[in-house]
Amino acid sequence: MTHEEMQSIAMDYLRKEHPELVKFLTPEELKGEARGMAMLARMEMDTLKAGSPRMTDDEAWSEAREMFLVRPEWAYEKMADARAEAREERRRRLEANPEPARLPEETAESPEL
């Protein structure tokens, strides 16, 4: 199984089983999450096969996907909480140090009327 196939499976899994997570991830973040899941699954497959030389790719995939593609609910809840905290922190920083919005007409190069 190729990395791209595993990544595609991970993205499909996320979209199907965790639509609430997919809602707040940008497409790049979703792809990054799926890429990370696929990389961890591949590394686990390689480790399993090194420890059990008779293990097939399919057997290694079955075990690895349970560990890295099918994540428990609490993992997604923690991701959502972390994202909400980051948004709140950004909001607090903007409130503490608001930057005045300047229109292009307000620049020093613009002639006064």
N, C-alpha and C. Protein backbone atom coordinates (compact mmCIF):
# COMPACT_ATOMS: atom_id res chain seq x y z
N MET A 1 0.84 -1.17 0.00
CA MET A 1 0.00 0.00 0.00
C MET A 1 0.89 1.24 0.00
N THR A 2 0.56 2.18 -0.86
CA THR A 2 1.38 3.38 -0.97
C THR A 2 0.98 4.41 0.10
N HIS A 3 1.87 5.36 0.29
CA HIS A 3 1.61 6.44 1.25
C HIS A 3 0.35 7.22 0.83
N GLU A 4 0.22 7.47 -0.46
CA GLU A 4 -0.92 8.22 -0.96
C GLU A 4 -2.23 7.49 -0.70
N GLU A 5 -2.22 6.17 -0.84
CA GLU A 5 -3.42 5.38 -0.56
C GLU A 5 -3.79 5.46 0.93
N MET A 6 -2.78 5.35 1.78
CA MET A 6 -3.04 5.44 3.22
C MET A 6 -3.54 6.82 3.59
N GLN A 7 -2.96 7.85 2.99
CA GLN A 7 -3.39 9.22 3.26
C GLN A 7 -4.83 9.41 2.81
N SER A 8 -5.17 8.87 1.66
CA SER A 8 -6.54 8.97 1.16
C SER A 8 -7.53 8.27 2.09
N ILE A 9 -7.15 7.10 2.57
CA ILE A 9 -7.99 6.37 3.52
C ILE A 9 -8.18 7.17 4.79
N ALA A 10 -7.10 7.78 5.26
CA ALA A 10 -7.18 8.59 6.48
C ALA A 10 -8.11 9.79 6.27
N MET A 11 -8.01 10.46 5.14
CA MET A 11 -8.88 11.61 4.87
C MET A 11 -10.34 11.17 4.78
N ASP A 12 -10.59 10.05 4.10
CA ASP A 12 -11.96 9.54 4.00
C ASP A 12 -12.51 9.19 5.37
N TYR A 13 -11.66 8.57 6.19
CA TYR A 13 -12.08 8.22 7.55
C TYR A 13 -12.44 9.47 8.34
N LEU A 14 -11.60 10.48 8.27
CA LEU A 14 -11.87 11.72 9.00
C LEU A 14 -13.17 12.37 8.53
N ARG A 15 -13.36 12.42 7.23
CA ARG A 15 -14.57 13.06 6.69
C ARG A 15 -15.84 12.29 7.10
N LYS A 16 -15.75 10.97 7.10
CA LYS A 16 -16.92 10.15 7.39
C LYS A 16 -17.21 10.06 8.89
N GLU A 17 -16.18 9.81 9.68
CA GLU A 17 -16.37 9.54 11.10
C GLU A 17 -16.25 10.78 11.99
N HIS A 18 -15.60 11.81 11.51
CA HIS A 18 -15.39 13.00 12.34
C HIS A 18 -15.65 14.28 11.55
N PRO A 19 -16.88 14.44 11.04
CA PRO A 19 -17.17 15.66 10.25
C PRO A 19 -17.02 16.93 11.07
N GLU A 20 -17.24 16.84 12.40
CA GLU A 20 -17.09 18.03 13.24
C GLU A 20 -15.64 18.50 13.26
N LEU A 21 -14.71 17.59 13.16
CA LEU A 21 -13.29 17.94 13.10
C LEU A 21 -12.96 18.56 11.75
N VAL A 22 -13.46 17.95 10.70
CA VAL A 22 -13.17 18.42 9.35
C VAL A 22 -13.72 19.83 9.14
N LYS A 23 -14.82 20.16 9.83
CA LYS A 23 -15.42 21.49 9.70
C LYS A 23 -14.48 22.61 10.08
N PHE A 24 -13.69 22.41 11.12
CA PHE A 24 -12.85 23.51 11.57
C PHE A 24 -11.40 23.41 11.10
N LEU A 25 -11.07 22.39 10.31
CA LEU A 25 -9.73 22.30 9.73
C LEU A 25 -9.74 22.90 8.33
N THR A 26 -8.68 23.60 8.01
CA THR A 26 -8.54 24.07 6.64
C THR A 26 -8.17 22.86 5.77
N PRO A 27 -8.32 22.93 4.47
CA PRO A 27 -7.94 21.80 3.63
C PRO A 27 -6.47 21.39 3.81
N GLU A 28 -5.60 22.39 4.04
CA GLU A 28 -4.18 22.08 4.25
C GLU A 28 -3.97 21.35 5.58
N GLU A 29 -4.70 21.79 6.61
CA GLU A 29 -4.59 21.13 7.91
C GLU A 29 -5.12 19.70 7.85
N LEU A 30 -6.23 19.51 7.14
CA LEU A 30 -6.79 18.17 6.99
C LEU A 30 -5.80 17.26 6.27
N LYS A 31 -5.22 17.77 5.21
CA LYS A 31 -4.23 16.98 4.47
C LYS A 31 -3.02 16.67 5.35
N GLY A 32 -2.58 17.65 6.13
CA GLY A 32 -1.45 17.43 7.04
C GLY A 32 -1.76 16.39 8.09
N GLU A 33 -2.97 16.43 8.64
CA GLU A 33 -3.38 15.44 9.64
C GLU A 33 -3.40 14.05 9.01
N ALA A 34 -3.97 13.93 7.82
CA ALA A 34 -4.02 12.64 7.13
C ALA A 34 -2.61 12.16 6.76
N ARG A 35 -1.76 13.08 6.35
CA ARG A 35 -0.38 12.72 6.01
C ARG A 35 0.35 12.17 7.25
N GLY A 36 0.17 12.84 8.38
CA GLY A 36 0.79 12.38 9.62
C GLY A 36 0.28 11.02 10.05
N MET A 37 -1.01 10.81 9.92
CA MET A 37 -1.59 9.51 10.27
C MET A 37 -1.02 8.41 9.37
N ALA A 38 -0.90 8.71 8.08
CA ALA A 38 -0.36 7.73 7.14
C ALA A 38 1.11 7.43 7.42
N MET A 39 1.88 8.47 7.76
CA MET A 39 3.31 8.25 8.06
C MET A 39 3.48 7.38 9.30
N LEU A 40 2.70 7.65 10.33
CA LEU A 40 2.79 6.85 11.55
C LEU A 40 2.35 5.41 11.28
N ALA A 41 1.32 5.24 10.48
CA ALA A 41 0.86 3.88 10.16
C ALA A 41 1.95 3.13 9.38
N ARG A 42 2.59 3.81 8.43
CA ARG A 42 3.66 3.16 7.64
C ARG A 42 4.83 2.78 8.54
N MET A 43 5.22 3.66 9.43
CA MET A 43 6.33 3.36 10.33
C MET A 43 5.99 2.16 11.22
N GLU A 44 4.75 2.10 11.70
CA GLU A 44 4.32 0.98 12.52
C GLU A 44 4.30 -0.31 11.71
N MET A 45 3.85 -0.22 10.46
CA MET A 45 3.85 -1.41 9.59
C MET A 45 5.27 -1.94 9.42
N ASP A 46 6.21 -1.05 9.16
CA ASP A 46 7.60 -1.46 8.97
C ASP A 46 8.16 -2.09 10.24
N THR A 47 7.81 -1.52 11.39
CA THR A 47 8.28 -2.07 12.67
C THR A 47 7.69 -3.45 12.92
N LEU A 48 6.40 -3.59 12.67
CA LEU A 48 5.74 -4.89 12.86
C LEU A 48 6.35 -5.96 11.96
N LYS A 49 6.59 -5.60 10.71
CA LYS A 49 7.15 -6.56 9.76
C LYS A 49 8.59 -6.91 10.10
N ALA A 50 9.34 -5.96 10.65
CA ALA A 50 10.72 -6.25 11.04
C ALA A 50 10.75 -7.23 12.21
N GLY A 51 9.79 -7.11 13.12
CA GLY A 51 9.72 -8.01 14.27
C GLY A 51 9.13 -9.37 13.94
N SER A 52 8.33 -9.42 12.90
CA SER A 52 7.69 -10.67 12.47
C SER A 52 7.87 -10.81 10.96
N PRO A 53 8.99 -11.38 10.53
CA PRO A 53 9.30 -11.43 9.11
C PRO A 53 8.24 -12.12 8.25
N ARG A 54 7.44 -12.98 8.82
CA ARG A 54 6.42 -13.67 8.03
C ARG A 54 5.13 -12.87 7.89
N MET A 55 5.05 -11.75 8.57
CA MET A 55 3.84 -10.93 8.50
C MET A 55 3.71 -10.32 7.11
N THR A 56 2.50 -10.36 6.58
CA THR A 56 2.24 -9.78 5.26
C THR A 56 1.93 -8.29 5.41
N ASP A 57 1.96 -7.58 4.29
CA ASP A 57 1.60 -6.17 4.30
C ASP A 57 0.17 -5.98 4.80
N ASP A 58 -0.73 -6.85 4.38
CA ASP A 58 -2.13 -6.73 4.80
C ASP A 58 -2.28 -6.91 6.31
N GLU A 59 -1.56 -7.86 6.87
CA GLU A 59 -1.62 -8.07 8.32
C GLU A 59 -1.05 -6.86 9.07
N ALA A 60 0.07 -6.37 8.59
CA ALA A 60 0.69 -5.20 9.23
C ALA A 60 -0.23 -3.98 9.11
N TRP A 61 -0.86 -3.82 7.95
CA TRP A 61 -1.77 -2.71 7.74
C TRP A 61 -2.95 -2.80 8.70
N SER A 62 -3.50 -3.99 8.88
CA SER A 62 -4.65 -4.16 9.78
C SER A 62 -4.31 -3.72 11.19
N GLU A 63 -3.14 -4.07 11.66
CA GLU A 63 -2.74 -3.68 13.01
C GLU A 63 -2.40 -2.19 13.09
N ALA A 64 -1.67 -1.70 12.12
CA ALA A 64 -1.22 -0.31 12.17
C ALA A 64 -2.38 0.67 12.03
N ARG A 65 -3.33 0.35 11.20
CA ARG A 65 -4.45 1.30 11.01
C ARG A 65 -5.28 1.44 12.28
N GLU A 66 -5.38 0.36 13.06
CA GLU A 66 -6.11 0.46 14.32
C GLU A 66 -5.43 1.42 15.28
N MET A 67 -4.12 1.50 15.20
CA MET A 67 -3.37 2.37 16.11
C MET A 67 -3.34 3.83 15.64
N PHE A 68 -3.24 4.04 14.33
CA PHE A 68 -2.97 5.39 13.86
C PHE A 68 -4.04 6.01 12.97
N LEU A 69 -4.92 5.21 12.40
CA LEU A 69 -5.96 5.80 11.57
C LEU A 69 -7.29 5.87 12.29
N VAL A 70 -7.56 4.93 13.13
CA VAL A 70 -8.81 4.94 13.86
C VAL A 70 -8.49 5.44 15.26
N ARG A 71 -8.56 6.73 15.42
CA ARG A 71 -8.20 7.35 16.69
C ARG A 71 -9.41 7.41 17.62
N PRO A 72 -9.15 7.37 18.91
CA PRO A 72 -10.27 7.48 19.86
C PRO A 72 -10.88 8.87 19.84
N GLU A 73 -12.13 8.96 20.25
CA GLU A 73 -12.84 10.24 20.26
C GLU A 73 -12.10 11.32 21.05
N TRP A 74 -11.50 10.95 22.18
CA TRP A 74 -10.86 11.96 23.02
C TRP A 74 -9.74 12.68 22.28
N ALA A 75 -9.09 12.01 21.33
CA ALA A 75 -8.01 12.66 20.59
C ALA A 75 -8.55 13.83 19.76
N TYR A 76 -9.71 13.64 19.16
CA TYR A 76 -10.31 14.70 18.36
C TYR A 76 -10.86 15.81 19.25
N GLU A 77 -11.38 15.42 20.41
CA GLU A 77 -11.86 16.44 21.34
C GLU A 77 -10.70 17.31 21.81
N LYS A 78 -9.54 16.71 22.07
CA LYS A 78 -8.37 17.50 22.47
C LYS A 78 -7.93 18.44 21.35
N MET A 79 -7.98 17.96 20.10
CA MET A 79 -7.61 18.81 18.97
C MET A 79 -8.56 19.99 18.89
N ALA A 80 -9.85 19.75 19.05
CA ALA A 80 -10.84 20.82 18.98
C ALA A 80 -10.62 21.81 20.12
N ASP A 81 -10.34 21.30 21.32
CA ASP A 81 -10.08 22.18 22.46
C ASP A 81 -8.84 23.04 22.22
N ALA A 82 -7.78 22.44 21.70
CA ALA A 82 -6.54 23.17 21.43
C ALA A 82 -6.78 24.26 20.39
N ARG A 83 -7.55 23.95 19.38
CA ARG A 83 -7.84 24.94 18.34
C ARG A 83 -8.67 26.09 18.91
N ALA A 84 -9.64 25.77 19.76
CA ALA A 84 -10.46 26.80 20.38
C ALA A 84 -9.61 27.69 21.29
N GLU A 85 -8.69 27.09 22.02
CA GLU A 85 -7.80 27.87 22.88
C GLU A 85 -6.91 28.81 22.06
N ALA A 86 -6.42 28.32 20.94
CA ALA A 86 -5.58 29.16 20.08
C ALA A 86 -6.38 30.33 19.53
N ARG A 87 -7.63 30.09 19.12
CA ARG A 87 -8.48 31.18 18.62
C ARG A 87 -8.74 32.21 19.72
N GLU A 88 -9.01 31.72 20.93
CA GLU A 88 -9.27 32.61 22.06
C GLU A 88 -8.03 33.46 22.38
N GLU A 89 -6.87 32.83 22.35
CA GLU A 89 -5.62 33.56 22.61
C GLU A 89 -5.38 34.64 21.55
N ARG A 90 -5.64 34.32 20.29
CA ARG A 90 -5.51 35.32 19.22
C ARG A 90 -6.47 36.48 19.45
N ARG A 91 -7.70 36.16 19.83
CA ARG A 91 -8.70 37.19 20.09
C ARG A 91 -8.25 38.11 21.23
N ARG A 92 -7.72 37.52 22.31
CA ARG A 92 -7.25 38.31 23.45
C ARG A 92 -6.10 39.22 23.06
N ARG A 93 -5.17 38.70 22.24
CA ARG A 93 -4.04 39.53 21.81
C ARG A 93 -4.50 40.69 20.97
N LEU A 94 -5.47 40.46 20.08
CA LEU A 94 -5.99 41.54 19.25
C LEU A 94 -6.72 42.58 20.08
N GLU A 95 -7.45 42.13 21.09
CA GLU A 95 -8.14 43.08 21.97
C GLU A 95 -7.15 43.90 22.79
N ALA A 96 -6.06 43.29 23.22
CA ALA A 96 -5.06 43.97 24.04
C ALA A 96 -4.24 44.96 23.22
N ASN A 97 -4.01 44.65 21.96
CA ASN A 97 -3.17 45.48 21.12
C ASN A 97 -3.82 45.66 19.75
N PRO A 98 -4.94 46.40 19.71
CA PRO A 98 -5.61 46.55 18.41
C PRO A 98 -4.77 47.41 17.47
N GLU A 99 -4.71 46.98 16.26
CA GLU A 99 -3.97 47.70 15.25
C GLU A 99 -4.98 48.48 14.42
N PRO A 100 -4.84 49.82 14.34
CA PRO A 100 -5.84 50.57 13.58
C PRO A 100 -5.81 50.18 12.10
N ALA A 101 -6.99 50.02 11.57
CA ALA A 101 -7.09 49.69 10.15
C ALA A 101 -6.84 50.95 9.34
N ARG A 102 -5.95 50.85 8.37
CA ARG A 102 -5.63 52.01 7.53
C ARG A 102 -6.02 51.70 6.11
N LEU A 103 -6.70 52.62 5.53
CA LEU A 103 -7.06 52.49 4.13
C LEU A 103 -5.89 52.98 3.28
N PRO A 104 -5.77 52.50 2.06
CA PRO A 104 -4.67 52.95 1.21
C PRO A 104 -4.64 54.46 1.03
N GLU A 105 -5.78 55.14 1.11
CA GLU A 105 -5.81 56.59 0.93
C GLU A 105 -5.16 57.32 2.10
N GLU A 106 -5.01 56.66 3.23
CA GLU A 106 -4.46 57.31 4.41
C GLU A 106 -2.94 57.22 4.51
N THR A 107 -2.29 56.76 3.51
CA THR A 107 -0.82 56.63 3.57
C THR A 107 -0.18 58.00 3.39
N ALA A 108 1.07 58.10 3.79
CA ALA A 108 1.79 59.37 3.72
C ALA A 108 1.99 59.84 2.28
N GLU A 109 2.01 58.91 1.34
CA GLU A 109 2.24 59.28 -0.04
C GLU A 109 1.02 59.95 -0.70
N SER A 110 -0.14 59.78 -0.10
CA SER A 110 -1.36 60.34 -0.70
C SER A 110 -1.39 61.85 -0.50
N PRO A 111 -1.71 62.61 -1.53
CA PRO A 111 -1.80 64.06 -1.36
C PRO A 111 -3.06 64.43 -0.57
N GLU A 112 -2.96 65.47 0.21
CA GLU A 112 -4.09 65.93 1.00
C GLU A 112 -5.03 66.73 0.09
N LEU A 113 -6.30 66.59 0.30
CA LEU A 113 -7.29 67.32 -0.50
C LEU A 113 -7.85 68.49 0.25
